[in-house]
Amino acid sequence: MEYRYRDKAYLSHYSLDTKLFDYFDFLVEDAAPIRSVYILNTDKGLKILKKVDYSMDELGFLYNSLNIIRKKYPYVINFRESIDGKPYVKYEDGIYVVLDIIEGRDCVFENPIDLKKAASALAKLHMAGEEVDIENTSRKGLGKLMEKYEEKLRAMEKYKEIANMHVNKSEFDEIYLKYADYYISCIKRAYTYLEKSNYKELCRLKHTLCHHDLAHHNILIGKDDNVYFIDFDYSVVDLPYHDISNIITKAIKHNEWDIGFANVIMEGYMENRELSRDEIAVLYAYLLFPQDFYDIASNYYMKTRGWEEDEFRDKLKRKAEYMEDREKFLKEFENRWLQA
């Protein structure tokens, strides 16, 4: 329900006007909202109209990067150029892009066949993204992971101090204090893995464009049976293990932390791109970091979300209580991929 209202609020900022459509070489017959975009029914087929909320420089970087990737991996979202030959239109107070619709279905994370295909395609996407320009962009995560982990470790410890200071502790405080030590220890373990790995050298040699939001609806199995990646809004230049850990984490949460689904992803990925032990150690550091627990705690103690108290409590409780399943998975992954 939260997403429905959030998307409705976002769509209200669109300047939906026929004059906007005059900047493109198609005729719009109808426009229907879905999530945070509009689907346009045009005389040249279905299109997506999207208002972007990042800078022109970032949009240019994204457009150029996808053009580079498309030379080796063509199955990514495509920008329609305006009549001015630009991949965007500045209209009133916004920047708008139009994207071609890809016919297909969402990747099913509960389906090992879909997951293996997606992981295999992800390796090809990463290889195609190795030539992306990394010098002229602010979207760079390279070399910053250890610093980020130190910063987030300090934040988690600070939240623990805040919770302990409260005389009348909230239910959220109680849950946080119950589980904080375990999740803090996970960050320390992640940092140690990075410290012992060849992380800095990998940043120099193995960077690529990472998608950074590999939800099931951003990976499409096309009608032509190819795997398409869409919605690169959060993409960043980083190490490929960033994305691999992202899809593994999302998949295992859909499948009760079953190591078998992570193994399928690893095997599918390495059909096209081998990973060294050092690379897998860095990937494991990503997996160790308790992103869900950290995000909810940070949103609560830094007051960056407008959720009700009981919503915060329920979210933290849900995430915290899979601690045993999470730890079992992490040990199984370590044994399978780092101790073998």
C-alpha atoms as a PDB file:
ATOM      1  CA  MET A   1       0.000   0.000   0.000  1.00  0.00           C
ATOM      2  CA  GLU A   2       2.887   2.341   0.812  1.00  0.00           C
ATOM      3  CA  TYR A   3       4.246   2.037  -2.736  1.00  0.00           C
ATOM      4  CA  ARG A   4       0.850   2.724  -4.299  1.00  0.00           C
ATOM      5  CA  TYR A   5       0.542   6.058  -2.482  1.00  0.00           C
ATOM      6  CA  ARG A   6       4.184   6.934  -3.034  1.00  0.00           C
ATOM      7  CA  ASP A   7       3.876   6.319  -6.786  1.00  0.00           C
ATOM      8  CA  LYS A   8       0.617   8.278  -6.944  1.00  0.00           C
ATOM      9  CA  ALA A   9       2.343  11.235  -5.292  1.00  0.00           C
ATOM     10  CA  TYR A  10       5.276  10.966  -7.693  1.00  0.00           C
ATOM     11  CA  LEU A  11       3.010  10.830 -10.753  1.00  0.00           C
ATOM     12  CA  SER A  12       1.293  14.012  -9.612  1.00  0.00           C
ATOM     13  CA  HIS A  13       4.511  15.884 -10.452  1.00  0.00           C
ATOM     14  CA  TYR A  14       4.326  14.924 -14.141  1.00  0.00           C
ATOM     15  CA  SER A  15       3.421  17.728 -16.562  1.00  0.00           C
ATOM     16  CA  LEU A  16       1.306  15.490 -18.781  1.00  0.00           C
ATOM     17  CA  ASP A  17       0.538  17.673 -21.763  1.00  0.00           C
ATOM     18  CA  THR A  18       0.119  17.064 -25.490  1.00  0.00           C
ATOM     19  CA  LYS A  19       2.810  19.710 -26.053  1.00  0.00           C
ATOM     20  CA  LEU A  20       5.290  17.385 -24.350  1.00  0.00           C
ATOM     21  CA  PHE A  21       4.490  14.646 -26.851  1.00  0.00           C
ATOM     22  CA  ASP A  22       5.128  17.033 -29.750  1.00  0.00           C
ATOM     23  CA  TYR A  23       8.834  16.638 -29.046  1.00  0.00           C
ATOM     24  CA  PHE A  24       8.707  13.010 -30.249  1.00  0.00           C
ATOM     25  CA  ASP A  25       8.045  11.460 -33.663  1.00  0.00           C
ATOM     26  CA  PHE A  26       4.958   9.493 -32.660  1.00  0.00           C
ATOM     27  CA  LEU A  27       1.308  10.193 -31.970  1.00  0.00           C
ATOM     28  CA  VAL A  28      -0.009   9.405 -28.493  1.00  0.00           C
ATOM     29  CA  GLU A  29      -3.480   7.883 -28.421  1.00  0.00           C
ATOM     30  CA  ASP A  30      -3.663   7.159 -24.688  1.00  0.00           C
ATOM     31  CA  ALA A  31      -1.569   7.331 -21.485  1.00  0.00           C
ATOM     32  CA  ALA A  32      -2.010   5.043 -18.488  1.00  0.00           C
ATOM     33  CA  PRO A  33      -0.135   5.227 -15.163  1.00  0.00           C
ATOM     34  CA  ILE A  34       1.712   2.174 -13.832  1.00  0.00           C
ATOM     35  CA  ARG A  35       4.082   2.274 -10.847  1.00  0.00           C
ATOM     36  CA  SER A  36       5.932   5.598 -11.257  1.00  0.00           C
ATOM     37  CA  VAL A  37       5.693   5.916 -15.060  1.00  0.00           C
ATOM     38  CA  TYR A  38       3.110   6.276 -17.824  1.00  0.00           C
ATOM     39  CA  ILE A  39       2.538   3.716 -20.544  1.00  0.00           C
ATOM     40  CA  LEU A  40       1.907   5.484 -23.842  1.00  0.00           C
ATOM     41  CA  ASN A  41      -0.179   3.861 -26.547  1.00  0.00           C
ATOM     42  CA  THR A  42       1.224   5.395 -29.755  1.00  0.00           C
ATOM     43  CA  ASP A  43       1.016   4.902 -33.495  1.00  0.00           C
ATOM     44  CA  LYS A  44       4.501   3.333 -33.213  1.00  0.00           C
ATOM     45  CA  GLY A  45       3.605   0.896 -30.440  1.00  0.00           C
ATOM     46  CA  LEU A  46       3.706   1.048 -26.668  1.00  0.00           C
ATOM     47  CA  LYS A  47       6.236   3.347 -25.018  1.00  0.00           C
ATOM     48  CA  ILE A  48       7.182   4.321 -21.461  1.00  0.00           C
ATOM     49  CA  LEU A  49       7.187   7.965 -20.387  1.00  0.00           C
ATOM     50  CA  LYS A  50       9.357   8.598 -17.360  1.00  0.00           C
ATOM     51  CA  LYS A  51      10.250  11.724 -15.430  1.00  0.00           C
ATOM     52  CA  VAL A  52      13.782  11.391 -14.128  1.00  0.00           C
ATOM     53  CA  ASP A  53      14.932  12.886 -10.856  1.00  0.00           C
ATOM     54  CA  TYR A  54      18.672  12.924 -11.437  1.00  0.00           C
ATOM     55  CA  SER A  55      20.985  15.388 -13.158  1.00  0.00           C
ATOM     56  CA  MET A  56      21.570  15.909 -16.868  1.00  0.00           C
ATOM     57  CA  ASP A  57      25.154  14.712 -16.399  1.00  0.00           C
ATOM     58  CA  GLU A  58      23.923  11.467 -14.846  1.00  0.00           C
ATOM     59  CA  LEU A  59      21.377  10.998 -17.625  1.00  0.00           C
ATOM     60  CA  GLY A  60      24.086  11.543 -20.232  1.00  0.00           C
ATOM     61  CA  PHE A  61      26.338   9.039 -18.493  1.00  0.00           C
ATOM     62  CA  LEU A  62      23.536   6.474 -18.372  1.00  0.00           C
ATOM     63  CA  TYR A  63      22.605   6.999 -22.031  1.00  0.00           C
ATOM     64  CA  ASN A  64      26.225   6.734 -23.215  1.00  0.00           C
ATOM     65  CA  SER A  65      26.918   3.724 -21.003  1.00  0.00           C
ATOM     66  CA  LEU A  66      23.920   1.790 -22.329  1.00  0.00           C
ATOM     67  CA  ASN A  67      24.995   2.576 -25.891  1.00  0.00           C
ATOM     68  CA  ILE A  68      28.421   1.078 -25.125  1.00  0.00           C
ATOM     69  CA  ILE A  69      26.866  -1.982 -23.457  1.00  0.00           C
ATOM     70  CA  ARG A  70      24.430  -2.508 -26.332  1.00  0.00           C
ATOM     71  CA  LYS A  71      27.326  -3.171 -28.735  1.00  0.00           C
ATOM     72  CA  LYS A  72      28.101  -6.424 -26.912  1.00  0.00           C
ATOM     73  CA  TYR A  73      24.886  -7.068 -24.992  1.00  0.00           C
ATOM     74  CA  PRO A  74      21.903  -5.594 -26.874  1.00  0.00           C
ATOM     75  CA  TYR A  75      19.213  -6.697 -24.427  1.00  0.00           C
ATOM     76  CA  VAL A  76      18.920  -3.528 -22.354  1.00  0.00           C
ATOM     77  CA  ILE A  77      16.341  -0.745 -22.227  1.00  0.00           C
ATOM     78  CA  ASN A  78      16.458   1.671 -25.169  1.00  0.00           C
ATOM     79  CA  PHE A  79      15.915   5.448 -25.058  1.00  0.00           C
ATOM     80  CA  ARG A  80      13.823   7.001 -27.837  1.00  0.00           C
ATOM     81  CA  GLU A  81      15.427  10.183 -29.068  1.00  0.00           C
ATOM     82  CA  SER A  82      13.383  13.374 -29.364  1.00  0.00           C
ATOM     83  CA  ILE A  83      12.945  15.215 -32.674  1.00  0.00           C
ATOM     84  CA  ASP A  84      15.986  17.242 -31.562  1.00  0.00           C
ATOM     85  CA  GLY A  85      18.092  14.061 -31.512  1.00  0.00           C
ATOM     86  CA  LYS A  86      18.400  14.031 -27.711  1.00  0.00           C
ATOM     87  CA  PRO A  87      17.554  11.133 -25.357  1.00  0.00           C
ATOM     88  CA  TYR A  88      15.426  13.457 -23.206  1.00  0.00           C
ATOM     89  CA  VAL A  89      13.098  16.442 -23.280  1.00  0.00           C
ATOM     90  CA  LYS A  90      13.268  19.339 -20.833  1.00  0.00           C
ATOM     91  CA  TYR A  91       9.682  20.427 -20.337  1.00  0.00           C
ATOM     92  CA  GLU A  92       8.458  22.956 -17.770  1.00  0.00           C
ATOM     93  CA  ASP A  93      10.097  21.914 -14.485  1.00  0.00           C
ATOM     94  CA  GLY A  94      11.121  18.380 -15.445  1.00  0.00           C
ATOM     95  CA  ILE A  95      13.313  16.119 -17.549  1.00  0.00           C
ATOM     96  CA  TYR A  96      11.428  13.396 -19.414  1.00  0.00           C
ATOM     97  CA  VAL A  97      12.598  10.311 -21.271  1.00  0.00           C
ATOM     98  CA  VAL A  98      10.713   7.873 -23.471  1.00  0.00           C
ATOM     99  CA  LEU A  99      11.737   4.218 -23.485  1.00  0.00           C
ATOM    100  CA  ASP A 100      10.804   1.369 -25.771  1.00  0.00           C
ATOM    101  CA  ILE A 101       8.691  -1.328 -24.118  1.00  0.00           C
ATOM    102  CA  ILE A 102      10.128  -4.835 -24.054  1.00  0.00           C
ATOM    103  CA  GLU A 103       7.645  -7.631 -24.498  1.00  0.00           C
ATOM    104  CA  GLY A 104       8.234 -10.349 -21.954  1.00  0.00           C
ATOM    105  CA  ARG A 105       7.594 -11.454 -18.397  1.00  0.00           C
ATOM    106  CA  ASP A 106       9.238 -10.792 -15.046  1.00  0.00           C
ATOM    107  CA  CYS A 107      11.995 -13.150 -13.993  1.00  0.00           C
ATOM    108  CA  VAL A 108      10.623 -15.606 -11.414  1.00  0.00           C
ATOM    109  CA  PHE A 109      13.081 -15.829  -8.532  1.00  0.00           C
ATOM    110  CA  GLU A 110      11.455 -19.019  -7.271  1.00  0.00           C
ATOM    111  CA  ASN A 111      12.281 -20.690 -10.584  1.00  0.00           C
ATOM    112  CA  PRO A 112      15.895 -22.011 -10.749  1.00  0.00           C
ATOM    113  CA  ILE A 113      15.786 -22.066 -14.555  1.00  0.00           C
ATOM    114  CA  ASP A 114      14.908 -18.358 -14.687  1.00  0.00           C
ATOM    115  CA  LEU A 115      17.561 -17.548 -12.089  1.00  0.00           C
ATOM    116  CA  LYS A 116      20.303 -19.405 -13.925  1.00  0.00           C
ATOM    117  CA  LYS A 117      19.424 -17.660 -17.200  1.00  0.00           C
ATOM    118  CA  ALA A 118      19.377 -14.282 -15.445  1.00  0.00           C
ATOM    119  CA  ALA A 119      22.744 -14.905 -13.764  1.00  0.00           C
ATOM    120  CA  SER A 120      24.307 -16.070 -17.014  1.00  0.00           C
ATOM    121  CA  ALA A 121      22.997 -12.942 -18.762  1.00  0.00           C
ATOM    122  CA  LEU A 122      24.230 -10.749 -15.894  1.00  0.00           C
ATOM    123  CA  ALA A 123      27.778 -11.971 -16.520  1.00  0.00           C
ATOM    124  CA  LYS A 124      27.446 -10.931 -20.173  1.00  0.00           C
ATOM    125  CA  LEU A 125      26.038  -7.546 -19.104  1.00  0.00           C
ATOM    126  CA  HIS A 126      29.019  -7.027 -16.807  1.00  0.00           C
ATOM    127  CA  MET A 127      31.512  -7.954 -19.516  1.00  0.00           C
ATOM    128  CA  ALA A 128      29.797  -5.538 -21.897  1.00  0.00           C
ATOM    129  CA  GLY A 129      29.999  -2.791 -19.253  1.00  0.00           C
ATOM    130  CA  GLU A 130      33.749  -3.038 -18.728  1.00  0.00           C
ATOM    131  CA  GLU A 131      34.379  -0.325 -21.329  1.00  0.00           C
ATOM    132  CA  VAL A 132      32.073   2.245 -19.728  1.00  0.00           C
ATOM    133  CA  ASP A 133      33.762   5.583 -19.009  1.00  0.00           C
ATOM    134  CA  ILE A 134      34.626   5.670 -15.298  1.00  0.00           C
ATOM    135  CA  GLU A 135      36.464   8.994 -15.227  1.00  0.00           C
ATOM    136  CA  ASN A 136      33.701  11.474 -16.005  1.00  0.00           C
ATOM    137  CA  THR A 137      30.912  10.422 -13.686  1.00  0.00           C
ATOM    138  CA  SER A 138      29.853  10.955 -10.102  1.00  0.00           C
ATOM    139  CA  ARG A 139      28.244   7.499 -10.141  1.00  0.00           C
ATOM    140  CA  LYS A 140      31.260   5.653  -8.846  1.00  0.00           C
ATOM    141  CA  GLY A 141      31.380   3.276  -5.900  1.00  0.00           C
ATOM    142  CA  LEU A 142      34.892   1.982  -6.567  1.00  0.00           C
ATOM    143  CA  GLY A 143      37.229   1.695  -3.595  1.00  0.00           C
ATOM    144  CA  LYS A 144      34.730   3.060  -1.080  1.00  0.00           C
ATOM    145  CA  LEU A 145      33.324  -0.123   0.444  1.00  0.00           C
ATOM    146  CA  MET A 146      35.668  -0.431   3.439  1.00  0.00           C
ATOM    147  CA  GLU A 147      35.114   3.221   4.319  1.00  0.00           C
ATOM    148  CA  LYS A 148      31.339   2.751   4.036  1.00  0.00           C
ATOM    149  CA  TYR A 149      31.406  -0.312   6.266  1.00  0.00           C
ATOM    150  CA  GLU A 150      33.404   1.570   8.917  1.00  0.00           C
ATOM    151  CA  GLU A 151      30.930   4.439   8.768  1.00  0.00           C
ATOM    152  CA  LYS A 152      27.908   2.135   9.040  1.00  0.00           C
ATOM    153  CA  LEU A 153      29.500   0.163  11.854  1.00  0.00           C
ATOM    154  CA  ARG A 154      29.884   3.396  13.831  1.00  0.00           C
ATOM    155  CA  ALA A 155      26.259   4.252  13.058  1.00  0.00           C
ATOM    156  CA  MET A 156      25.008   0.866  14.303  1.00  0.00           C
ATOM    157  CA  GLU A 157      26.974   1.275  17.518  1.00  0.00           C
ATOM    158  CA  LYS A 158      25.584   4.817  17.911  1.00  0.00           C
ATOM    159  CA  TYR A 159      22.017   3.548  17.488  1.00  0.00           C
ATOM    160  CA  LYS A 160      22.744   1.029  20.232  1.00  0.00           C
ATOM    161  CA  GLU A 161      23.844   3.866  22.523  1.00  0.00           C
ATOM    162  CA  ILE A 162      20.685   5.828  21.710  1.00  0.00           C
ATOM    163  CA  ALA A 163      18.438   2.834  22.416  1.00  0.00           C
ATOM    164  CA  ASN A 164      20.215   2.164  25.736  1.00  0.00           C
ATOM    165  CA  MET A 165      19.827   5.831  26.754  1.00  0.00           C
ATOM    166  CA  HIS A 166      16.033   5.679  26.470  1.00  0.00           C
ATOM    167  CA  VAL A 167      14.542   5.267  29.940  1.00  0.00           C
ATOM    168  CA  ASN A 168      11.219   4.174  28.483  1.00  0.00           C
ATOM    169  CA  LYS A 169      12.374   1.960  25.657  1.00  0.00           C
ATOM    170  CA  SER A 170      10.123   1.468  22.655  1.00  0.00           C
ATOM    171  CA  GLU A 171       9.445  -2.007  21.277  1.00  0.00           C
ATOM    172  CA  PHE A 172      11.720  -1.040  18.403  1.00  0.00           C
ATOM    173  CA  ASP A 173      14.538  -0.247  20.876  1.00  0.00           C
ATOM    174  CA  GLU A 174      14.074  -3.621  22.552  1.00  0.00           C
ATOM    175  CA  ILE A 175      14.210  -5.532  19.264  1.00  0.00           C
ATOM    176  CA  TYR A 176      17.196  -3.545  18.058  1.00  0.00           C
ATOM    177  CA  LEU A 177      19.141  -4.181  21.262  1.00  0.00           C
ATOM    178  CA  LYS A 178      18.326  -7.890  21.130  1.00  0.00           C
ATOM    179  CA  TYR A 179      19.818  -8.359  17.667  1.00  0.00           C
ATOM    180  CA  ALA A 180      22.280  -5.464  17.227  1.00  0.00           C
ATOM    181  CA  ASP A 181      25.385  -7.320  18.439  1.00  0.00           C
ATOM    182  CA  TYR A 182      24.919 -10.084  15.890  1.00  0.00           C
ATOM    183  CA  TYR A 183      24.433  -7.693  12.984  1.00  0.00           C
ATOM    184  CA  ILE A 184      27.331  -5.505  14.145  1.00  0.00           C
ATOM    185  CA  SER A 185      29.507  -8.623  14.159  1.00  0.00           C
ATOM    186  CA  CYS A 186      28.462  -9.291  10.548  1.00  0.00           C
ATOM    187  CA  ILE A 187      29.781  -5.874   9.503  1.00  0.00           C
ATOM    188  CA  LYS A 188      33.067  -6.581  11.280  1.00  0.00           C
ATOM    189  CA  ARG A 189      33.355  -9.944   9.521  1.00  0.00           C
ATOM    190  CA  ALA A 190      32.611  -8.270   6.177  1.00  0.00           C
ATOM    191  CA  TYR A 191      35.350  -5.692   6.817  1.00  0.00           C
ATOM    192  CA  THR A 192      37.842  -8.425   7.709  1.00  0.00           C
ATOM    193  CA  TYR A 193      37.106 -10.273   4.464  1.00  0.00           C
ATOM    194  CA  LEU A 194      37.717  -7.081   2.494  1.00  0.00           C
ATOM    195  CA  GLU A 195      40.905  -6.383   4.423  1.00  0.00           C
ATOM    196  CA  LYS A 196      42.319  -9.815   3.622  1.00  0.00           C
ATOM    197  CA  SER A 197      41.220  -9.738  -0.017  1.00  0.00           C
ATOM    198  CA  ASN A 198      42.765  -8.012  -3.007  1.00  0.00           C
ATOM    199  CA  TYR A 199      39.901  -5.496  -2.971  1.00  0.00           C
ATOM    200  CA  LYS A 200      41.837  -2.409  -4.078  1.00  0.00           C
ATOM    201  CA  GLU A 201      43.488  -4.228  -6.971  1.00  0.00           C
ATOM    202  CA  LEU A 202      40.118  -5.615  -8.060  1.00  0.00           C
ATOM    203  CA  CYS A 203      38.722  -2.061  -8.084  1.00  0.00           C
ATOM    204  CA  ARG A 204      41.477  -1.106 -10.508  1.00  0.00           C
ATOM    205  CA  LEU A 205      41.038  -4.092 -12.832  1.00  0.00           C
ATOM    206  CA  LYS A 206      37.512  -5.501 -12.588  1.00  0.00           C
ATOM    207  CA  HIS A 207      35.103  -2.552 -12.564  1.00  0.00           C
ATOM    208  CA  THR A 208      31.977  -2.433 -14.707  1.00  0.00           C
ATOM    209  CA  LEU A 209      28.564  -0.789 -14.827  1.00  0.00           C
ATOM    210  CA  CYS A 210      26.453  -2.354 -12.074  1.00  0.00           C
ATOM    211  CA  HIS A 211      22.671  -2.280 -12.365  1.00  0.00           C
ATOM    212  CA  HIS A 212      22.255  -1.864  -8.594  1.00  0.00           C
ATOM    213  CA  ASP A 213      18.534  -2.733  -8.466  1.00  0.00           C
ATOM    214  CA  LEU A 214      18.094  -6.313  -9.663  1.00  0.00           C
ATOM    215  CA  ALA A 215      14.520  -6.814  -8.485  1.00  0.00           C
ATOM    216  CA  HIS A 216      12.580  -9.487 -10.368  1.00  0.00           C
ATOM    217  CA  HIS A 217      10.590  -6.867 -12.321  1.00  0.00           C
ATOM    218  CA  ASN A 218      13.815  -5.302 -13.648  1.00  0.00           C
ATOM    219  CA  ILE A 219      14.871  -8.586 -15.268  1.00  0.00           C
ATOM    220  CA  LEU A 220      12.606  -9.648 -18.112  1.00  0.00           C
ATOM    221  CA  ILE A 221      12.510 -12.937 -19.972  1.00  0.00           C
ATOM    222  CA  GLY A 222      11.650 -11.720 -23.449  1.00  0.00           C
ATOM    223  CA  LYS A 223       9.293 -13.358 -25.892  1.00  0.00           C
ATOM    224  CA  ASP A 224      12.442 -14.099 -27.901  1.00  0.00           C
ATOM    225  CA  ASP A 225      13.783 -15.943 -24.791  1.00  0.00           C
ATOM    226  CA  ASN A 226      16.581 -13.438 -24.254  1.00  0.00           C
ATOM    227  CA  VAL A 227      17.126 -11.887 -20.828  1.00  0.00           C
ATOM    228  CA  TYR A 228      16.544  -8.112 -20.781  1.00  0.00           C
ATOM    229  CA  PHE A 229      17.656  -5.687 -18.076  1.00  0.00           C
ATOM    230  CA  ILE A 230      15.571  -2.550 -17.568  1.00  0.00           C
ATOM    231  CA  ASP A 231      15.475   0.494 -15.262  1.00  0.00           C
ATOM    232  CA  PHE A 232      19.110   1.507 -14.814  1.00  0.00           C
ATOM    233  CA  ASP A 233      18.175   4.568 -12.741  1.00  0.00           C
ATOM    234  CA  TYR A 234      20.350   3.478  -9.811  1.00  0.00           C
ATOM    235  CA  SER A 235      23.244   2.100 -11.855  1.00  0.00           C
ATOM    236  CA  VAL A 236      26.769   2.798 -10.671  1.00  0.00           C
ATOM    237  CA  VAL A 237      30.331   1.975 -11.682  1.00  0.00           C
ATOM    238  CA  ASP A 238      31.508  -0.632  -9.204  1.00  0.00           C
ATOM    239  CA  LEU A 239      32.695  -4.205  -8.891  1.00  0.00           C
ATOM    240  CA  PRO A 240      30.402  -6.862 -10.409  1.00  0.00           C
ATOM    241  CA  TYR A 241      30.071  -8.605  -7.016  1.00  0.00           C
ATOM    242  CA  HIS A 242      27.853  -5.674  -6.022  1.00  0.00           C
ATOM    243  CA  ASP A 243      25.193  -6.941  -8.466  1.00  0.00           C
ATOM    244  CA  ILE A 244      25.805 -10.646  -7.847  1.00  0.00           C
ATOM    245  CA  SER A 245      25.248 -10.207  -4.109  1.00  0.00           C
ATOM    246  CA  ASN A 246      22.166  -8.113  -4.877  1.00  0.00           C
ATOM    247  CA  ILE A 247      20.467 -10.815  -6.945  1.00  0.00           C
ATOM    248  CA  ILE A 248      21.542 -13.599  -4.556  1.00  0.00           C
ATOM    249  CA  THR A 249      20.106 -11.747  -1.557  1.00  0.00           C
ATOM    250  CA  LYS A 250      16.804 -11.055  -3.313  1.00  0.00           C
ATOM    251  CA  ALA A 251      16.523 -14.649  -4.560  1.00  0.00           C
ATOM    252  CA  ILE A 252      17.222 -16.399  -1.267  1.00  0.00           C
ATOM    253  CA  LYS A 253      14.722 -14.204   0.570  1.00  0.00           C
ATOM    254  CA  HIS A 254      12.102 -15.461  -1.896  1.00  0.00           C
ATOM    255  CA  ASN A 255      13.187 -19.032  -1.154  1.00  0.00           C
ATOM    256  CA  GLU A 256      13.604 -19.308   2.613  1.00  0.00           C
ATOM    257  CA  TRP A 257      17.381 -18.747   2.523  1.00  0.00           C
ATOM    258  CA  ASP A 258      17.949 -21.932   0.523  1.00  0.00           C
ATOM    259  CA  ILE A 259      21.644 -22.124  -0.475  1.00  0.00           C
ATOM    260  CA  GLY A 260      20.622 -24.044  -3.605  1.00  0.00           C
ATOM    261  CA  PHE A 261      19.324 -20.845  -5.224  1.00  0.00           C
ATOM    262  CA  ALA A 262      22.589 -19.014  -4.538  1.00  0.00           C
ATOM    263  CA  ASN A 263      24.495 -21.937  -6.042  1.00  0.00           C
ATOM    264  CA  VAL A 264      22.329 -21.765  -9.168  1.00  0.00           C
ATOM    265  CA  ILE A 265      23.163 -18.055  -9.539  1.00  0.00           C
ATOM    266  CA  MET A 266      26.886 -18.625  -9.020  1.00  0.00           C
ATOM    267  CA  GLU A 267      26.982 -21.501 -11.501  1.00  0.00           C
ATOM    268  CA  GLY A 268      24.950 -19.556 -14.069  1.00  0.00           C
ATOM    269  CA  TYR A 269      27.175 -16.501 -13.749  1.00  0.00           C
ATOM    270  CA  MET A 270      30.384 -18.500 -14.049  1.00  0.00           C
ATOM    271  CA  GLU A 271      29.217 -20.155 -17.250  1.00  0.00           C
ATOM    272  CA  ASN A 272      30.259 -16.884 -18.900  1.00  0.00           C
ATOM    273  CA  ARG A 273      32.589 -15.205 -16.425  1.00  0.00           C
ATOM    274  CA  GLU A 274      34.787 -17.087 -13.978  1.00  0.00           C
ATOM    275  CA  LEU A 275      35.253 -15.701 -10.467  1.00  0.00           C
ATOM    276  CA  SER A 276      38.530 -16.131  -8.607  1.00  0.00           C
ATOM    277  CA  ARG A 277      38.642 -16.956  -4.910  1.00  0.00           C
ATOM    278  CA  ASP A 278      39.617 -13.346  -4.201  1.00  0.00           C
ATOM    279  CA  GLU A 279      36.587 -12.111  -6.127  1.00  0.00           C
ATOM    280  CA  ILE A 280      34.299 -14.498  -4.248  1.00  0.00           C
ATOM    281  CA  ALA A 281      35.772 -13.248  -0.944  1.00  0.00           C
ATOM    282  CA  VAL A 282      34.714  -9.696  -1.853  1.00  0.00           C
ATOM    283  CA  LEU A 283      31.293 -10.994  -2.950  1.00  0.00           C
ATOM    284  CA  TYR A 284      31.000 -12.711   0.438  1.00  0.00           C
ATOM    285  CA  ALA A 285      31.758  -9.407   2.178  1.00  0.00           C
ATOM    286  CA  TYR A 286      28.792  -7.889   0.332  1.00  0.00           C
ATOM    287  CA  LEU A 287      26.591 -10.802   1.420  1.00  0.00           C
ATOM    288  CA  LEU A 288      27.691 -10.463   5.040  1.00  0.00           C
ATOM    289  CA  PHE A 289      26.592  -6.853   5.312  1.00  0.00           C
ATOM    290  CA  PRO A 290      23.096  -6.727   6.955  1.00  0.00           C
ATOM    291  CA  GLN A 291      21.581  -4.162   4.599  1.00  0.00           C
ATOM    292  CA  ASP A 292      17.929  -4.649   5.604  1.00  0.00           C
ATOM    293  CA  PHE A 293      18.583  -4.433   9.329  1.00  0.00           C
ATOM    294  CA  TYR A 294      20.868  -1.436   8.902  1.00  0.00           C
ATOM    295  CA  ASP A 295      18.439   0.455   6.645  1.00  0.00           C
ATOM    296  CA  ILE A 296      15.462   0.087   8.983  1.00  0.00           C
ATOM    297  CA  ALA A 297      17.492   1.016  12.061  1.00  0.00           C
ATOM    298  CA  SER A 298      18.961   4.023  10.265  1.00  0.00           C
ATOM    299  CA  ASN A 299      15.546   5.188   9.051  1.00  0.00           C
ATOM    300  CA  TYR A 300      14.181   4.908  12.588  1.00  0.00           C
ATOM    301  CA  TYR A 301      16.944   6.526  14.604  1.00  0.00           C
ATOM    302  CA  MET A 302      17.758   9.181  11.993  1.00  0.00           C
ATOM    303  CA  LYS A 303      14.022   9.816  11.395  1.00  0.00           C
ATOM    304  CA  THR A 304      14.345   9.646   7.588  1.00  0.00           C
ATOM    305  CA  ARG A 305      11.063   7.790   6.991  1.00  0.00           C
ATOM    306  CA  GLY A 306       7.561   8.839   7.908  1.00  0.00           C
ATOM    307  CA  TRP A 307       6.365   5.378   8.926  1.00  0.00           C
ATOM    308  CA  GLU A 308       4.236   4.832  12.016  1.00  0.00           C
ATOM    309  CA  GLU A 309       5.902   3.343  15.092  1.00  0.00           C
ATOM    310  CA  ASP A 310       4.222  -0.034  14.670  1.00  0.00           C
ATOM    311  CA  GLU A 311       5.284  -0.184  11.015  1.00  0.00           C
ATOM    312  CA  PHE A 312       8.907   0.388  11.988  1.00  0.00           C
ATOM    313  CA  ARG A 313       8.625  -2.257  14.709  1.00  0.00           C
ATOM    314  CA  ASP A 314       7.063  -4.863  12.440  1.00  0.00           C
ATOM    315  CA  LYS A 315       9.609  -4.310   9.675  1.00  0.00           C
ATOM    316  CA  LEU A 316      12.556  -4.635  12.053  1.00  0.00           C
ATOM    317  CA  LYS A 317      11.058  -7.691  13.747  1.00  0.00           C
ATOM    318  CA  ARG A 318      10.568  -9.412  10.382  1.00  0.00           C
ATOM    319  CA  LYS A 319      14.108  -8.717   9.236  1.00  0.00           C
ATOM    320  CA  ALA A 320      15.765  -9.482  12.569  1.00  0.00           C
ATOM    321  CA  GLU A 321      14.055 -12.796  13.144  1.00  0.00           C
ATOM    322  CA  TYR A 322      15.566 -14.491  10.119  1.00  0.00           C
ATOM    323  CA  MET A 323      18.949 -14.200  11.840  1.00  0.00           C
ATOM    324  CA  GLU A 324      19.390 -17.967  12.233  1.00  0.00           C
ATOM    325  CA  ASP A 325      18.393 -18.711   8.635  1.00  0.00           C
ATOM    326  CA  ARG A 326      20.701 -15.952   7.437  1.00  0.00           C
ATOM    327  CA  GLU A 327      23.659 -17.221   9.446  1.00  0.00           C
ATOM    328  CA  LYS A 328      23.077 -20.794   8.251  1.00  0.00           C
ATOM    329  CA  PHE A 329      23.058 -19.573   4.658  1.00  0.00           C
ATOM    330  CA  LEU A 330      26.257 -17.539   5.150  1.00  0.00           C
ATOM    331  CA  LYS A 331      28.108 -20.537   6.592  1.00  0.00           C
ATOM    332  CA  GLU A 332      26.889 -22.788   3.788  1.00  0.00           C
ATOM    333  CA  PHE A 333      27.956 -20.261   1.169  1.00  0.00           C
ATOM    334  CA  GLU A 334      31.380 -19.868   2.772  1.00  0.00           C
ATOM    335  CA  ASN A 335      31.873 -23.648   2.897  1.00  0.00           C
ATOM    336  CA  ARG A 336      30.733 -24.159  -0.690  1.00  0.00           C
ATOM    337  CA  TRP A 337      32.522 -21.280  -2.405  1.00  0.00           C
ATOM    338  CA  LEU A 338      35.450 -20.247  -0.177  1.00  0.00           C
ATOM    339  CA  GLN A 339      36.536 -23.431   1.611  1.00  0.00           C
ATOM    340  CA  ALA A 340      36.223 -25.827  -1.328  1.00  0.00           C
END
